[in-house]
PDB file of all heavy atoms in Angstrom:
ATOM      1  N   GLN A   1     -11.816  59.310  27.366  1.00  0.00           N
ATOM      2  CA  GLN A   1     -13.195  59.028  27.270  1.00  0.00           C
ATOM      3  C   GLN A   1     -13.695  57.832  28.060  1.00  0.00           C
ATOM      4  O   GLN A   1     -12.879  57.047  28.491  1.00  0.00           O
ATOM      5  CB  GLN A   1     -13.551  58.805  25.742  1.00  0.00           C
ATOM      6  CG  GLN A   1     -13.209  60.023  24.863  1.00  0.00           C
ATOM      7  CD  GLN A   1     -13.393  59.631  23.389  1.00  0.00           C
ATOM      8  OE1 GLN A   1     -13.178  58.550  22.987  1.00  0.00           O
ATOM      9  NE2 GLN A   1     -13.860  60.739  22.621  1.00  0.00           N
ATOM     10  N   ASP A   2     -14.964  57.707  28.212  1.00  0.00           N
ATOM     11  CA  ASP A   2     -15.577  56.635  28.916  1.00  0.00           C
ATOM     12  C   ASP A   2     -15.904  55.514  27.818  1.00  0.00           C
ATOM     13  O   ASP A   2     -16.752  55.754  27.018  1.00  0.00           O
ATOM     14  CB  ASP A   2     -16.810  56.972  29.595  1.00  0.00           C
ATOM     15  CG  ASP A   2     -17.507  55.834  30.357  1.00  0.00           C
ATOM     16  OD1 ASP A   2     -16.952  54.740  30.339  1.00  0.00           O
ATOM     17  OD2 ASP A   2     -18.618  56.064  30.873  1.00  0.00           O
ATOM     18  N   PRO A   3     -15.211  54.405  27.881  1.00  0.00           N
ATOM     19  CA  PRO A   3     -15.470  53.327  26.832  1.00  0.00           C
ATOM     20  C   PRO A   3     -16.940  52.923  26.821  1.00  0.00           C
ATOM     21  O   PRO A   3     -17.490  52.592  25.768  1.00  0.00           O
ATOM     22  CB  PRO A   3     -14.556  52.188  27.269  1.00  0.00           C
ATOM     23  CG  PRO A   3     -13.496  52.843  28.091  1.00  0.00           C
ATOM     24  CD  PRO A   3     -14.119  53.958  28.754  1.00  0.00           C
ATOM     25  N   TYR A   4     -17.569  52.913  27.977  1.00  0.00           N
ATOM     26  CA  TYR A   4     -18.974  52.408  28.046  1.00  0.00           C
ATOM     27  C   TYR A   4     -19.946  53.467  27.437  1.00  0.00           C
ATOM     28  O   TYR A   4     -21.115  53.088  27.093  1.00  0.00           O
ATOM     29  CB  TYR A   4     -19.348  52.223  29.507  1.00  0.00           C
ATOM     30  CG  TYR A   4     -18.497  51.089  30.177  1.00  0.00           C
ATOM     31  CD1 TYR A   4     -17.444  51.434  30.928  1.00  0.00           C
ATOM     32  CD2 TYR A   4     -18.745  49.725  29.990  1.00  0.00           C
ATOM     33  CE1 TYR A   4     -16.656  50.462  31.549  1.00  0.00           C
ATOM     34  CE2 TYR A   4     -18.007  48.755  30.538  1.00  0.00           C
ATOM     35  CZ  TYR A   4     -16.931  49.154  31.310  1.00  0.00           C
ATOM     36  OH  TYR A   4     -16.190  48.145  31.905  1.00  0.00           O
ATOM     37  N   ALA A   5     -19.404  54.679  27.250  1.00  0.00           N
ATOM     38  CA  ALA A   5     -20.330  55.720  26.647  1.00  0.00           C
ATOM     39  C   ALA A   5     -20.154  55.891  25.202  1.00  0.00           C
ATOM     40  O   ALA A   5     -21.034  56.420  24.530  1.00  0.00           O
ATOM     41  CB  ALA A   5     -20.084  57.071  27.336  1.00  0.00           C
ATOM     42  N   VAL A   6     -19.044  55.359  24.605  1.00  0.00           N
ATOM     43  CA  VAL A   6     -18.727  55.605  23.185  1.00  0.00           C
ATOM     44  C   VAL A   6     -18.809  54.351  22.366  1.00  0.00           C
ATOM     45  O   VAL A   6     -18.683  54.454  21.101  1.00  0.00           O
ATOM     46  CB  VAL A   6     -17.328  56.282  23.047  1.00  0.00           C
ATOM     47  CG1 VAL A   6     -17.285  57.598  23.797  1.00  0.00           C
ATOM     48  CG2 VAL A   6     -16.248  55.351  23.539  1.00  0.00           C
ATOM     49  N   ILE A   7     -19.067  53.234  22.985  1.00  0.00           N
ATOM     50  CA  ILE A   7     -19.118  51.977  22.266  1.00  0.00           C
ATOM     51  C   ILE A   7     -20.522  51.398  22.262  1.00  0.00           C
ATOM     52  O   ILE A   7     -21.169  51.272  23.335  1.00  0.00           O
ATOM     53  CB  ILE A   7     -18.155  50.901  22.812  1.00  0.00           C
ATOM     54  CG1 ILE A   7     -16.694  51.416  22.675  1.00  0.00           C
ATOM     55  CG2 ILE A   7     -18.293  49.599  22.111  1.00  0.00           C
ATOM     56  CD1 ILE A   7     -15.690  50.526  23.295  1.00  0.00           C
ATOM     57  N   GLY A   8     -21.051  51.077  21.157  1.00  0.00           N
ATOM     58  CA  GLY A   8     -22.417  50.509  21.095  1.00  0.00           C
ATOM     59  C   GLY A   8     -23.183  50.953  19.859  1.00  0.00           C
ATOM     60  O   GLY A   8     -22.653  51.806  19.086  1.00  0.00           O
ATOM     61  N   PRO A   9     -24.380  50.471  19.673  1.00  0.00           N
ATOM     62  CA  PRO A   9     -25.167  50.823  18.502  1.00  0.00           C
ATOM     63  C   PRO A   9     -25.392  52.386  18.357  1.00  0.00           C
ATOM     64  O   PRO A   9     -25.889  53.002  19.380  1.00  0.00           O
ATOM     65  CB  PRO A   9     -26.462  50.118  18.699  1.00  0.00           C
ATOM     66  CG  PRO A   9     -26.124  48.944  19.654  1.00  0.00           C
ATOM     67  CD  PRO A   9     -25.065  49.479  20.526  1.00  0.00           C
ATOM     68  N   GLY A  10     -25.068  52.942  17.286  1.00  0.00           N
ATOM     69  CA  GLY A  10     -25.295  54.368  17.076  1.00  0.00           C
ATOM     70  C   GLY A  10     -24.387  55.287  17.783  1.00  0.00           C
ATOM     71  O   GLY A  10     -24.529  56.524  17.715  1.00  0.00           O
ATOM     72  N   ARG A  11     -23.302  54.762  18.400  1.00  0.00           N
ATOM     73  CA  ARG A  11     -22.341  55.578  19.098  1.00  0.00           C
ATOM     74  C   ARG A  11     -21.079  55.842  18.275  1.00  0.00           C
ATOM     75  O   ARG A  11     -21.036  55.434  17.168  1.00  0.00           O
ATOM     76  CB  ARG A  11     -22.023  54.950  20.456  1.00  0.00           C
ATOM     77  CG  ARG A  11     -23.243  54.815  21.357  1.00  0.00           C
ATOM     78  CD  ARG A  11     -22.930  54.107  22.692  1.00  0.00           C
ATOM     79  NE  ARG A  11     -24.121  53.885  23.525  1.00  0.00           N
ATOM     80  CZ  ARG A  11     -24.206  53.242  24.607  1.00  0.00           C
ATOM     81  NH1 ARG A  11     -23.069  52.778  25.181  1.00  0.00           N
ATOM     82  NH2 ARG A  11     -25.301  53.106  25.226  1.00  0.00           N
ATOM     83  N   ALA A  12     -20.062  56.468  18.912  1.00  0.00           N
ATOM     84  CA  ALA A  12     -18.863  56.836  18.169  1.00  0.00           C
ATOM     85  C   ALA A  12     -18.260  55.525  17.566  1.00  0.00           C
ATOM     86  O   ALA A  12     -17.795  55.513  16.446  1.00  0.00           O
ATOM     87  CB  ALA A  12     -17.820  57.503  19.075  1.00  0.00           C
ATOM     88  N   PHE A  13     -18.227  54.460  18.340  1.00  0.00           N
ATOM     89  CA  PHE A  13     -17.787  53.176  17.832  1.00  0.00           C
ATOM     90  C   PHE A  13     -19.011  52.340  17.670  1.00  0.00           C
ATOM     91  O   PHE A  13     -19.575  51.781  18.596  1.00  0.00           O
ATOM     92  CB  PHE A  13     -16.828  52.483  18.761  1.00  0.00           C
ATOM     93  CG  PHE A  13     -16.193  51.226  18.255  1.00  0.00           C
ATOM     94  CD1 PHE A  13     -15.175  51.244  17.376  1.00  0.00           C
ATOM     95  CD2 PHE A  13     -16.658  49.996  18.621  1.00  0.00           C
ATOM     96  CE1 PHE A  13     -14.592  50.120  16.849  1.00  0.00           C
ATOM     97  CE2 PHE A  13     -16.109  48.805  18.206  1.00  0.00           C
ATOM     98  CZ  PHE A  13     -15.139  48.850  17.250  1.00  0.00           C
ATOM     99  N   ASP A  14     -19.551  52.267  16.378  1.00  0.00           N
ATOM    100  CA  ASP A  14     -20.884  51.749  16.162  1.00  0.00           C
ATOM    101  C   ASP A  14     -20.809  50.219  16.087  1.00  0.00           C
ATOM    102  O   ASP A  14     -20.626  49.587  15.073  1.00  0.00           O
ATOM    103  CB  ASP A  14     -21.418  52.266  14.776  1.00  0.00           C
ATOM    104  CG  ASP A  14     -22.857  51.867  14.569  1.00  0.00           C
ATOM    105  OD1 ASP A  14     -23.527  51.400  15.537  1.00  0.00           O
ATOM    106  OD2 ASP A  14     -23.283  52.030  13.419  1.00  0.00           O
ATOM    107  N   TRP A  15     -20.841  49.653  17.299  1.00  0.00           N
ATOM    108  CA  TRP A  15     -20.759  48.186  17.457  1.00  0.00           C
ATOM    109  C   TRP A  15     -22.178  47.599  17.581  1.00  0.00           C
ATOM    110  O   TRP A  15     -23.109  48.315  17.909  1.00  0.00           O
ATOM    111  CB  TRP A  15     -19.909  47.870  18.659  1.00  0.00           C
ATOM    112  CG  TRP A  15     -19.414  46.366  18.689  1.00  0.00           C
ATOM    113  CD1 TRP A  15     -19.775  45.406  19.529  1.00  0.00           C
ATOM    114  CD2 TRP A  15     -18.437  45.812  17.841  1.00  0.00           C
ATOM    115  NE1 TRP A  15     -19.151  44.217  19.312  1.00  0.00           N
ATOM    116  CE2 TRP A  15     -18.270  44.471  18.274  1.00  0.00           C
ATOM    117  CE3 TRP A  15     -17.669  46.275  16.846  1.00  0.00           C
ATOM    118  CZ2 TRP A  15     -17.396  43.601  17.648  1.00  0.00           C
ATOM    119  CZ3 TRP A  15     -16.746  45.348  16.258  1.00  0.00           C
ATOM    120  CH2 TRP A  15     -16.662  44.038  16.670  1.00  0.00           C
ATOM    121  N   HIS A  16     -22.309  46.304  17.489  1.00  0.00           N
ATOM    122  CA  HIS A  16     -23.580  45.654  17.550  1.00  0.00           C
ATOM    123  C   HIS A  16     -24.209  45.652  18.893  1.00  0.00           C
ATOM    124  O   HIS A  16     -25.467  45.483  19.064  1.00  0.00           O
ATOM    125  CB  HIS A  16     -23.481  44.184  17.035  1.00  0.00           C
ATOM    126  CG  HIS A  16     -22.718  44.073  15.768  1.00  0.00           C
ATOM    127  ND1 HIS A  16     -23.190  44.582  14.592  1.00  0.00           N
ATOM    128  CD2 HIS A  16     -21.506  43.483  15.464  1.00  0.00           C
ATOM    129  CE1 HIS A  16     -22.311  44.394  13.589  1.00  0.00           C
ATOM    130  NE2 HIS A  16     -21.323  43.700  14.074  1.00  0.00           N
ATOM    131  N   TRP A  17     -23.453  45.825  19.933  1.00  0.00           N
ATOM    132  CA  TRP A  17     -23.878  45.846  21.267  1.00  0.00           C
ATOM    133  C   TRP A  17     -22.951  46.689  22.182  1.00  0.00           C
ATOM    134  O   TRP A  17     -21.866  46.989  21.747  1.00  0.00           O
ATOM    135  CB  TRP A  17     -23.960  44.406  21.876  1.00  0.00           C
ATOM    136  CG  TRP A  17     -22.739  43.618  21.626  1.00  0.00           C
ATOM    137  CD1 TRP A  17     -21.590  43.671  22.369  1.00  0.00           C
ATOM    138  CD2 TRP A  17     -22.577  42.595  20.607  1.00  0.00           C
ATOM    139  NE1 TRP A  17     -20.665  42.782  21.778  1.00  0.00           N
ATOM    140  CE2 TRP A  17     -21.290  42.161  20.717  1.00  0.00           C
ATOM    141  CE3 TRP A  17     -23.395  42.141  19.576  1.00  0.00           C
ATOM    142  CZ2 TRP A  17     -20.737  41.160  19.818  1.00  0.00           C
ATOM    143  CZ3 TRP A  17     -22.900  41.149  18.702  1.00  0.00           C
ATOM    144  CH2 TRP A  17     -21.583  40.650  18.814  1.00  0.00           C
ATOM    145  N   PRO A  18     -23.383  47.106  23.319  1.00  0.00           N
ATOM    146  CA  PRO A  18     -22.548  47.921  24.199  1.00  0.00           C
ATOM    147  C   PRO A  18     -21.280  47.230  24.659  1.00  0.00           C
ATOM    148  O   PRO A  18     -21.150  45.965  24.471  1.00  0.00           O
ATOM    149  CB  PRO A  18     -23.447  48.337  25.380  1.00  0.00           C
ATOM    150  CG  PRO A  18     -24.853  48.062  24.882  1.00  0.00           C
ATOM    151  CD  PRO A  18     -24.755  46.962  23.885  1.00  0.00           C
ATOM    152  N   PHE A  19     -20.366  47.924  25.314  1.00  0.00           N
ATOM    153  CA  PHE A  19     -19.190  47.377  25.799  1.00  0.00           C
ATOM    154  C   PHE A  19     -19.450  46.724  27.089  1.00  0.00           C
ATOM    155  O   PHE A  19     -19.686  47.368  28.107  1.00  0.00           O
ATOM    156  CB  PHE A  19     -18.143  48.487  25.965  1.00  0.00           C
ATOM    157  CG  PHE A  19     -16.783  48.065  26.358  1.00  0.00           C
ATOM    158  CD1 PHE A  19     -16.007  47.177  25.550  1.00  0.00           C
ATOM    159  CD2 PHE A  19     -16.185  48.471  27.540  1.00  0.00           C
ATOM    160  CE1 PHE A  19     -14.768  46.751  25.921  1.00  0.00           C
ATOM    161  CE2 PHE A  19     -15.001  47.981  27.882  1.00  0.00           C
ATOM    162  CZ  PHE A  19     -14.212  47.174  27.125  1.00  0.00           C
ATOM    163  N   PHE A  20     -19.394  45.374  27.128  1.00  0.00           N
ATOM    164  CA  PHE A  20     -19.684  44.646  28.359  1.00  0.00           C
ATOM    165  C   PHE A  20     -18.425  44.151  29.128  1.00  0.00           C
ATOM    166  O   PHE A  20     -18.594  43.616  30.169  1.00  0.00           O
ATOM    167  CB  PHE A  20     -20.603  43.438  27.994  1.00  0.00           C
ATOM    168  CG  PHE A  20     -21.916  43.785  27.536  1.00  0.00           C
ATOM    169  CD1 PHE A  20     -22.440  43.298  26.302  1.00  0.00           C
ATOM    170  CD2 PHE A  20     -22.838  44.501  28.318  1.00  0.00           C
ATOM    171  CE1 PHE A  20     -23.735  43.641  25.886  1.00  0.00           C
ATOM    172  CE2 PHE A  20     -24.070  44.858  27.926  1.00  0.00           C
ATOM    173  CZ  PHE A  20     -24.584  44.434  26.688  1.00  0.00           C
ATOM    174  N   TYR A  21     -17.306  44.324  28.511  1.00  0.00           N
ATOM    175  CA  TYR A  21     -16.038  43.875  29.229  1.00  0.00           C
ATOM    176  C   TYR A  21     -15.794  44.673  30.452  1.00  0.00           C
ATOM    177  O   TYR A  21     -16.151  45.884  30.534  1.00  0.00           O
ATOM    178  CB  TYR A  21     -14.825  43.996  28.252  1.00  0.00           C
ATOM    179  CG  TYR A  21     -14.777  43.008  27.106  1.00  0.00           C
ATOM    180  CD1 TYR A  21     -15.435  43.218  25.876  1.00  0.00           C
ATOM    181  CD2 TYR A  21     -14.041  41.835  27.257  1.00  0.00           C
ATOM    182  CE1 TYR A  21     -15.388  42.304  24.915  1.00  0.00           C
ATOM    183  CE2 TYR A  21     -13.922  40.917  26.168  1.00  0.00           C
ATOM    184  CZ  TYR A  21     -14.601  41.183  25.030  1.00  0.00           C
ATOM    185  OH  TYR A  21     -14.494  40.305  24.014  1.00  0.00           O
ATOM    186  N   PRO A  22     -15.107  44.098  31.433  1.00  0.00           N
ATOM    187  CA  PRO A  22     -14.666  44.943  32.576  1.00  0.00           C
ATOM    188  C   PRO A  22     -13.642  45.941  32.144  1.00  0.00           C
ATOM    189  O   PRO A  22     -12.966  45.778  31.074  1.00  0.00           O
ATOM    190  CB  PRO A  22     -14.034  43.867  33.551  1.00  0.00           C
ATOM    191  CG  PRO A  22     -13.666  42.785  32.689  1.00  0.00           C
ATOM    192  CD  PRO A  22     -14.713  42.721  31.556  1.00  0.00           C
ATOM    193  N   LEU A  23     -13.502  47.045  32.813  1.00  0.00           N
ATOM    194  CA  LEU A  23     -12.514  48.111  32.425  1.00  0.00           C
ATOM    195  C   LEU A  23     -11.106  47.531  32.371  1.00  0.00           C
ATOM    196  O   LEU A  23     -10.249  48.109  31.638  1.00  0.00           O
ATOM    197  CB  LEU A  23     -12.609  49.242  33.387  1.00  0.00           C
ATOM    198  CG  LEU A  23     -11.985  50.533  32.973  1.00  0.00           C
ATOM    199  CD1 LEU A  23     -12.603  51.047  31.635  1.00  0.00           C
ATOM    200  CD2 LEU A  23     -12.072  51.608  33.991  1.00  0.00           C
ATOM    201  N   THR A  24     -10.765  46.521  33.122  1.00  0.00           N
ATOM    202  CA  THR A  24      -9.445  45.958  33.141  1.00  0.00           C
ATOM    203  C   THR A  24      -9.077  45.376  31.693  1.00  0.00           C
ATOM    204  O   THR A  24      -7.924  45.342  31.336  1.00  0.00           O
ATOM    205  CB  THR A  24      -9.314  44.790  34.077  1.00  0.00           C
ATOM    206  OG1 THR A  24     -10.465  43.914  33.936  1.00  0.00           O
ATOM    207  CG2 THR A  24      -9.308  45.305  35.548  1.00  0.00           C
ATOM    208  N   ALA A  25     -10.093  45.053  30.874  1.00  0.00           N
ATOM    209  CA  ALA A  25      -9.861  44.642  29.552  1.00  0.00           C
ATOM    210  C   ALA A  25      -9.290  45.764  28.715  1.00  0.00           C
ATOM    211  O   ALA A  25      -8.295  45.541  27.894  1.00  0.00           O
ATOM    212  CB  ALA A  25     -11.145  44.065  28.888  1.00  0.00           C
ATOM    213  N   ALA A  26      -9.818  46.945  28.849  1.00  0.00           N
ATOM    214  CA  ALA A  26      -9.345  48.061  28.107  1.00  0.00           C
ATOM    215  C   ALA A  26      -7.898  48.412  28.558  1.00  0.00           C
ATOM    216  O   ALA A  26      -7.064  48.808  27.780  1.00  0.00           O
ATOM    217  CB  ALA A  26     -10.224  49.266  28.260  1.00  0.00           C
ATOM    218  N   VAL A  27      -7.686  48.393  29.879  1.00  0.00           N
ATOM    219  CA  VAL A  27      -6.394  48.717  30.433  1.00  0.00           C
ATOM    220  C   VAL A  27      -5.349  47.769  29.909  1.00  0.00           C
ATOM    221  O   VAL A  27      -4.206  48.170  29.532  1.00  0.00           O
ATOM    222  CB  VAL A  27      -6.396  48.743  31.985  1.00  0.00           C
ATOM    223  CG1 VAL A  27      -5.054  48.946  32.557  1.00  0.00           C
ATOM    224  CG2 VAL A  27      -7.369  49.802  32.441  1.00  0.00           C
ATOM    225  N   ALA A  28      -5.674  46.490  29.867  1.00  0.00           N
ATOM    226  CA  ALA A  28      -4.691  45.476  29.509  1.00  0.00           C
ATOM    227  C   ALA A  28      -4.359  45.638  28.013  1.00  0.00           C
ATOM    228  O   ALA A  28      -3.207  45.241  27.597  1.00  0.00           O
ATOM    229  CB  ALA A  28      -5.215  44.054  29.755  1.00  0.00           C
ATOM    230  N   THR A  29      -5.203  46.055  27.196  1.00  0.00           N
ATOM    231  CA  THR A  29      -4.942  46.247  25.767  1.00  0.00           C
ATOM    232  C   THR A  29      -4.546  47.648  25.303  1.00  0.00           C
ATOM    233  O   THR A  29      -4.505  47.900  24.158  1.00  0.00           O
ATOM    234  CB  THR A  29      -6.273  45.763  24.960  1.00  0.00           C
ATOM    235  OG1 THR A  29      -7.360  46.558  25.417  1.00  0.00           O
ATOM    236  CG2 THR A  29      -6.563  44.295  25.171  1.00  0.00           C
ATOM    237  N   MET A  30      -4.179  48.438  26.221  1.00  0.00           N
ATOM    238  CA  MET A  30      -3.819  49.795  25.928  1.00  0.00           C
ATOM    239  C   MET A  30      -2.592  49.915  24.987  1.00  0.00           C
ATOM    240  O   MET A  30      -2.471  50.866  24.176  1.00  0.00           O
ATOM    241  CB  MET A  30      -3.608  50.619  27.114  1.00  0.00           C
ATOM    242  CG  MET A  30      -4.902  51.006  27.859  1.00  0.00           C
ATOM    243  SD  MET A  30      -4.687  52.136  29.226  1.00  0.00           S
ATOM    244  CE  MET A  30      -4.528  53.702  28.384  1.00  0.00           C
ATOM    245  N   PRO A  31      -1.630  48.948  25.129  1.00  0.00           N
ATOM    246  CA  PRO A  31      -0.505  48.984  24.155  1.00  0.00           C
ATOM    247  C   PRO A  31      -0.974  48.909  22.685  1.00  0.00           C
ATOM    248  O   PRO A  31      -0.251  49.438  21.767  1.00  0.00           O
ATOM    249  CB  PRO A  31       0.329  47.792  24.497  1.00  0.00           C
ATOM    250  CG  PRO A  31       0.029  47.549  25.971  1.00  0.00           C
ATOM    251  CD  PRO A  31      -1.392  47.941  26.081  1.00  0.00           C
ATOM    252  N   PHE A  32      -2.136  48.287  22.405  1.00  0.00           N
ATOM    253  CA  PHE A  32      -2.582  48.213  21.067  1.00  0.00           C
ATOM    254  C   PHE A  32      -3.279  49.478  20.591  1.00  0.00           C
ATOM    255  O   PHE A  32      -3.475  49.654  19.406  1.00  0.00           O
ATOM    256  CB  PHE A  32      -3.623  47.088  20.915  1.00  0.00           C
ATOM    257  CG  PHE A  32      -3.096  45.734  21.082  1.00  0.00           C
ATOM    258  CD1 PHE A  32      -2.963  45.080  22.392  1.00  0.00           C
ATOM    259  CD2 PHE A  32      -2.472  45.013  20.048  1.00  0.00           C
ATOM    260  CE1 PHE A  32      -2.431  43.830  22.523  1.00  0.00           C
ATOM    261  CE2 PHE A  32      -1.968  43.710  20.222  1.00  0.00           C
ATOM    262  CZ  PHE A  32      -1.899  43.102  21.494  1.00  0.00           C
ATOM    263  N   ALA A  33      -3.558  50.387  21.490  1.00  0.00           N
ATOM    264  CA  ALA A  33      -4.315  51.653  21.174  1.00  0.00           C
ATOM    265  C   ALA A  33      -3.472  52.473  20.202  1.00  0.00           C
ATOM    266  O   ALA A  33      -3.995  53.298  19.460  1.00  0.00           O
ATOM    267  CB  ALA A  33      -4.696  52.366  22.404  1.00  0.00           C
ATOM    268  N   ALA A  34      -2.170  52.397  20.358  1.00  0.00           N
ATOM    269  CA  ALA A  34      -1.352  53.236  19.483  1.00  0.00           C
ATOM    270  C   ALA A  34      -1.207  52.779  18.031  1.00  0.00           C
ATOM    271  O   ALA A  34      -0.729  53.402  17.228  1.00  0.00           O
ATOM    272  CB  ALA A  34       0.124  53.328  20.043  1.00  0.00           C
ATOM    273  N   LEU A  35      -1.760  51.573  17.762  1.00  0.00           N
ATOM    274  CA  LEU A  35      -1.721  50.942  16.440  1.00  0.00           C
ATOM    275  C   LEU A  35      -3.023  51.204  15.701  1.00  0.00           C
ATOM    276  O   LEU A  35      -4.103  51.464  16.252  1.00  0.00           O
ATOM    277  CB  LEU A  35      -1.482  49.426  16.567  1.00  0.00           C
ATOM    278  CG  LEU A  35      -0.233  49.041  17.313  1.00  0.00           C
ATOM    279  CD1 LEU A  35      -0.169  47.532  17.441  1.00  0.00           C
ATOM    280  CD2 LEU A  35       1.030  49.521  16.635  1.00  0.00           C
ATOM    281  N   SER A  36      -2.936  51.128  14.395  1.00  0.00           N
ATOM    282  CA  SER A  36      -4.168  51.176  13.587  1.00  0.00           C
ATOM    283  C   SER A  36      -4.981  49.917  13.788  1.00  0.00           C
ATOM    284  O   SER A  36      -4.547  48.960  14.452  1.00  0.00           O
ATOM    285  CB  SER A  36      -3.810  51.254  12.079  1.00  0.00           C
ATOM    286  OG  SER A  36      -3.244  50.029  11.667  1.00  0.00           O
ATOM    287  N   ALA A  37      -6.278  49.934  13.363  1.00  0.00           N
ATOM    288  CA  ALA A  37      -7.096  48.764  13.598  1.00  0.00           C
ATOM    289  C   ALA A  37      -6.609  47.563  12.992  1.00  0.00           C
ATOM    290  O   ALA A  37      -6.513  46.459  13.524  1.00  0.00           O
ATOM    291  CB  ALA A  37      -8.500  49.101  13.047  1.00  0.00           C
ATOM    292  N   LEU A  38      -6.054  47.683  11.770  1.00  0.00           N
ATOM    293  CA  LEU A  38      -5.496  46.519  11.031  1.00  0.00           C
ATOM    294  C   LEU A  38      -4.217  45.987  11.733  1.00  0.00           C
ATOM    295  O   LEU A  38      -4.059  44.833  11.921  1.00  0.00           O
ATOM    296  CB  LEU A  38      -5.201  46.841   9.603  1.00  0.00           C
ATOM    297  CG  LEU A  38      -4.592  45.722   8.797  1.00  0.00           C
ATOM    298  CD1 LEU A  38      -5.621  44.539   8.647  1.00  0.00           C
ATOM    299  CD2 LEU A  38      -4.249  46.204   7.356  1.00  0.00           C
ATOM    300  N   ALA A  39      -3.342  46.893  12.067  1.00  0.00           N
ATOM    301  CA  ALA A  39      -2.100  46.531  12.664  1.00  0.00           C
ATOM    302  C   ALA A  39      -2.381  45.828  14.086  1.00  0.00           C
ATOM    303  O   ALA A  39      -1.703  44.793  14.376  1.00  0.00           O
ATOM    304  CB  ALA A  39      -1.175  47.700  12.922  1.00  0.00           C
ATOM    305  N   ALA A  40      -3.331  46.328  14.766  1.00  0.00           N
ATOM    306  CA  ALA A  40      -3.687  45.684  16.087  1.00  0.00           C
ATOM    307  C   ALA A  40      -4.286  44.349  15.910  1.00  0.00           C
ATOM    308  O   ALA A  40      -3.974  43.356  16.588  1.00  0.00           O
ATOM    309  CB  ALA A  40      -4.727  46.594  16.844  1.00  0.00           C
ATOM    310  N   ARG A  41      -5.141  44.220  14.920  1.00  0.00           N
ATOM    311  CA  ARG A  41      -5.729  42.870  14.594  1.00  0.00           C
ATOM    312  C   ARG A  41      -4.612  41.834  14.214  1.00  0.00           C
ATOM    313  O   ARG A  41      -4.554  40.714  14.785  1.00  0.00           O
ATOM    314  CB  ARG A  41      -6.647  42.949  13.385  1.00  0.00           C
ATOM    315  CG  ARG A  41      -7.952  43.750  13.638  1.00  0.00           C
ATOM    316  CD  ARG A  41      -8.601  43.992  12.293  1.00  0.00           C
ATOM    317  NE  ARG A  41      -9.872  44.794  12.453  1.00  0.00           N
ATOM    318  CZ  ARG A  41     -10.462  45.267  11.493  1.00  0.00           C
ATOM    319  NH1 ARG A  41     -10.034  45.087  10.259  1.00  0.00           N
ATOM    320  NH2 ARG A  41     -11.579  45.916  11.644  1.00  0.00           N
ATOM    321  N   CYS A  42      -3.686  42.263  13.359  1.00  0.00           N
ATOM    322  CA  CYS A  42      -2.589  41.364  12.928  1.00  0.00           C
ATOM    323  C   CYS A  42      -1.695  40.980  14.050  1.00  0.00           C
ATOM    324  O   CYS A  42      -1.330  39.771  14.201  1.00  0.00           O
ATOM    325  CB  CYS A  42      -1.837  41.917  11.781  1.00  0.00           C
ATOM    326  SG  CYS A  42      -2.746  42.158  10.269  1.00  0.00           S
ATOM    327  N   LEU A  43      -1.311  41.908  14.875  1.00  0.00           N
ATOM    328  CA  LEU A  43      -0.451  41.663  16.005  1.00  0.00           C
ATOM    329  C   LEU A  43      -1.096  40.725  17.019  1.00  0.00           C
ATOM    330  O   LEU A  43      -0.411  39.793  17.530  1.00  0.00           O
ATOM    331  CB  LEU A  43       0.029  42.984  16.613  1.00  0.00           C
ATOM    332  CG  LEU A  43       0.996  42.828  17.811  1.00  0.00           C
ATOM    333  CD1 LEU A  43       2.306  42.130  17.375  1.00  0.00           C
ATOM    334  CD2 LEU A  43       1.367  44.218  18.432  1.00  0.00           C
ATOM    335  N   PHE A  44      -2.279  41.032  17.304  1.00  0.00           N
ATOM    336  CA  PHE A  44      -3.047  40.225  18.342  1.00  0.00           C
ATOM    337  C   PHE A  44      -3.216  38.881  17.860  1.00  0.00           C
ATOM    338  O   PHE A  44      -2.942  37.816  18.611  1.00  0.00           O
ATOM    339  CB  PHE A  44      -4.421  40.819  18.627  1.00  0.00           C
ATOM    340  CG  PHE A  44      -5.276  40.039  19.586  1.00  0.00           C
ATOM    341  CD1 PHE A  44      -4.930  39.965  20.899  1.00  0.00           C
ATOM    342  CD2 PHE A  44      -6.348  39.321  19.065  1.00  0.00           C
ATOM    343  CE1 PHE A  44      -5.708  39.224  21.781  1.00  0.00           C
ATOM    344  CE2 PHE A  44      -7.108  38.585  19.944  1.00  0.00           C
ATOM    345  CZ  PHE A  44      -6.805  38.536  21.276  1.00  0.00           C
TER     346      PHE A  44
END
């Protein structure tokens, strides 16, 4: 999926604002994608 299309107010990931990070941020954190939200938070 396109992170910029699914993150933001009223979107699949209902965040307070759109995804403003560069795409490299998502690429760098991909190892955390396999974890649950809580596990990723704790590990990070």
